[in-house]
Amino acid sequence: MQLQQVIIVYKAGDALSQRSAEQCATQLECQQCHVLLGPSGPQDNPYPVFWPLLLGLLI
């Protein structure tokens, strides 16, 4: 299976979670996969951040 695009969401305010997500993103990007990365938590909702990017990729 070849992944072309993924969304990675990490726990906002958690440095370990963010670092792990960034490492995963780097590995996927090396496999030519487009990665969207963002936080999730009570004050953060990653999906509005991604909408403009997703719309640009789908058009």
N, C-alpha and C. Protein backbone atom coordinates (compact mmCIF):
# COMPACT_ATOMS: atom_id res chain seq x y z
N MET A 1 0.85 -1.17 0.00
CA MET A 1 0.00 0.00 0.00
C MET A 1 0.90 1.24 0.00
N GLN A 2 0.58 2.19 -0.86
CA GLN A 2 1.32 3.44 -0.98
C GLN A 2 0.47 4.58 -0.44
N LEU A 3 0.91 5.22 0.64
CA LEU A 3 0.21 6.38 1.18
C LEU A 3 0.63 7.60 0.40
N GLN A 4 -0.34 8.41 -0.03
CA GLN A 4 -0.02 9.63 -0.77
C GLN A 4 -0.15 10.86 0.12
N GLN A 5 -1.07 10.83 1.07
CA GLN A 5 -1.29 11.97 1.95
C GLN A 5 -1.81 11.47 3.30
N VAL A 6 -1.28 12.02 4.39
CA VAL A 6 -1.75 11.66 5.72
C VAL A 6 -1.89 12.91 6.58
N ILE A 7 -2.73 12.82 7.58
CA ILE A 7 -2.86 13.85 8.60
C ILE A 7 -2.37 13.23 9.90
N ILE A 8 -1.40 13.88 10.53
CA ILE A 8 -0.88 13.44 11.82
C ILE A 8 -1.27 14.49 12.85
N VAL A 9 -1.98 14.06 13.87
CA VAL A 9 -2.43 14.95 14.93
C VAL A 9 -1.75 14.52 16.22
N TYR A 10 -1.14 15.48 16.91
CA TYR A 10 -0.47 15.17 18.17
C TYR A 10 -1.13 15.93 19.31
N LYS A 11 -0.91 15.46 20.53
CA LYS A 11 -1.50 16.07 21.72
C LYS A 11 -0.87 17.44 21.96
N ALA A 12 -1.70 18.48 21.92
CA ALA A 12 -1.21 19.84 22.11
C ALA A 12 -0.54 19.99 23.48
N GLY A 13 0.58 20.70 23.50
CA GLY A 13 1.28 20.95 24.75
C GLY A 13 2.14 19.80 25.24
N ASP A 14 2.21 18.73 24.49
CA ASP A 14 2.99 17.56 24.88
C ASP A 14 4.21 17.46 23.95
N ALA A 15 5.37 17.83 24.47
CA ALA A 15 6.58 17.86 23.65
C ALA A 15 6.94 16.48 23.09
N LEU A 16 6.75 15.43 23.87
CA LEU A 16 7.06 14.08 23.39
C LEU A 16 6.13 13.69 22.25
N SER A 17 4.86 13.99 22.39
CA SER A 17 3.89 13.69 21.34
C SER A 17 4.24 14.45 20.06
N GLN A 18 4.58 15.71 20.20
CA GLN A 18 4.91 16.52 19.02
C GLN A 18 6.19 15.99 18.36
N ARG A 19 7.19 15.68 19.15
CA ARG A 19 8.45 15.17 18.62
C ARG A 19 8.23 13.85 17.88
N SER A 20 7.42 12.97 18.46
CA SER A 20 7.12 11.68 17.82
C SER A 20 6.38 11.90 16.51
N ALA A 21 5.43 12.82 16.51
CA ALA A 21 4.67 13.12 15.30
C ALA A 21 5.59 13.67 14.21
N GLU A 22 6.50 14.54 14.60
CA GLU A 22 7.44 15.11 13.62
C GLU A 22 8.37 14.04 13.06
N GLN A 23 8.80 13.11 13.89
CA GLN A 23 9.65 12.01 13.40
C GLN A 23 8.88 11.14 12.42
N CYS A 24 7.64 10.85 12.75
CA CYS A 24 6.80 10.05 11.86
C CYS A 24 6.60 10.79 10.53
N ALA A 25 6.35 12.09 10.62
CA ALA A 25 6.14 12.90 9.41
C ALA A 25 7.39 12.86 8.52
N THR A 26 8.54 12.99 9.13
CA THR A 26 9.80 12.96 8.36
C THR A 26 9.96 11.63 7.64
N GLN A 27 9.65 10.54 8.32
CA GLN A 27 9.77 9.21 7.70
C GLN A 27 8.80 9.05 6.54
N LEU A 28 7.59 9.55 6.71
CA LEU A 28 6.61 9.45 5.64
C LEU A 28 6.99 10.34 4.45
N GLU A 29 7.50 11.52 4.73
CA GLU A 29 7.91 12.42 3.65
C GLU A 29 9.06 11.81 2.84
N CYS A 30 9.91 11.05 3.49
CA CYS A 30 10.99 10.35 2.77
C CYS A 30 10.43 9.31 1.81
N GLN A 31 9.21 8.88 2.05
CA GLN A 31 8.53 7.91 1.18
C GLN A 31 7.62 8.61 0.17
N GLN A 32 7.85 9.92 -0.02
CA GLN A 32 7.08 10.73 -0.98
C GLN A 32 5.60 10.88 -0.60
N CYS A 33 5.33 10.89 0.69
CA CYS A 33 3.96 11.07 1.20
C CYS A 33 3.81 12.50 1.68
N HIS A 34 2.73 13.16 1.29
CA HIS A 34 2.45 14.53 1.74
C HIS A 34 1.85 14.45 3.13
N VAL A 35 2.42 15.20 4.09
CA VAL A 35 2.01 15.11 5.49
C VAL A 35 1.48 16.45 5.98
N LEU A 36 0.31 16.41 6.62
CA LEU A 36 -0.24 17.57 7.31
C LEU A 36 -0.13 17.26 8.80
N LEU A 37 0.46 18.18 9.56
CA LEU A 37 0.77 17.95 10.96
C LEU A 37 0.18 19.07 11.80
N GLY A 38 -0.51 18.71 12.89
CA GLY A 38 -1.08 19.75 13.74
C GLY A 38 -1.48 19.23 15.10
N PRO A 39 -1.71 20.17 16.05
CA PRO A 39 -2.06 19.80 17.42
C PRO A 39 -3.55 19.54 17.59
N SER A 40 -3.87 18.81 18.64
CA SER A 40 -5.26 18.59 19.02
C SER A 40 -5.37 18.69 20.53
N GLY A 41 -6.38 19.36 21.01
CA GLY A 41 -6.59 19.53 22.44
C GLY A 41 -7.76 20.46 22.68
N PRO A 42 -8.05 20.75 23.93
CA PRO A 42 -9.21 21.61 24.25
C PRO A 42 -9.13 22.99 23.59
N GLN A 43 -7.94 23.52 23.44
CA GLN A 43 -7.78 24.84 22.82
C GLN A 43 -7.38 24.76 21.35
N ASP A 44 -7.10 23.58 20.87
CA ASP A 44 -6.61 23.39 19.50
C ASP A 44 -7.48 22.39 18.76
N ASN A 45 -7.90 22.76 17.60
CA ASN A 45 -8.59 21.84 16.70
C ASN A 45 -7.85 21.89 15.38
N PRO A 46 -7.16 20.82 14.99
CA PRO A 46 -6.30 20.89 13.80
C PRO A 46 -7.06 20.98 12.48
N TYR A 47 -8.28 20.56 12.46
CA TYR A 47 -8.95 20.46 11.17
C TYR A 47 -9.21 21.80 10.50
N PRO A 48 -9.61 22.87 11.21
CA PRO A 48 -9.72 24.16 10.51
C PRO A 48 -8.38 24.63 9.94
N VAL A 49 -7.29 24.31 10.61
CA VAL A 49 -5.96 24.68 10.10
C VAL A 49 -5.70 23.99 8.78
N PHE A 50 -6.17 22.76 8.64
CA PHE A 50 -5.89 21.98 7.44
C PHE A 50 -6.83 22.27 6.28
N TRP A 51 -8.00 22.84 6.50
CA TRP A 51 -8.95 23.03 5.41
C TRP A 51 -8.37 23.76 4.21
N PRO A 52 -7.72 24.92 4.39
CA PRO A 52 -7.18 25.58 3.19
C PRO A 52 -6.17 24.71 2.45
N LEU A 53 -5.35 23.97 3.20
CA LEU A 53 -4.38 23.09 2.56
C LEU A 53 -5.07 21.96 1.81
N LEU A 54 -6.06 21.36 2.46
CA LEU A 54 -6.78 20.25 1.82
C LEU A 54 -7.53 20.71 0.59
N LEU A 55 -8.16 21.86 0.67
CA LEU A 55 -8.91 22.38 -0.48
C LEU A 55 -7.96 22.66 -1.65
N GLY A 56 -6.79 23.19 -1.33
CA GLY A 56 -5.81 23.45 -2.37
C GLY A 56 -5.32 22.18 -3.03
N LEU A 57 -5.22 21.10 -2.27
CA LEU A 57 -4.75 19.84 -2.83
C LEU A 57 -5.83 19.13 -3.62
N LEU A 58 -7.08 19.36 -3.26
CA LEU A 58 -8.16 18.66 -3.94
C LEU A 58 -8.63 19.36 -5.21
N ILE A 59 -8.27 20.62 -5.33
CA ILE A 59 -8.72 21.39 -6.51
C ILE A 59 -7.74 21.23 -7.65
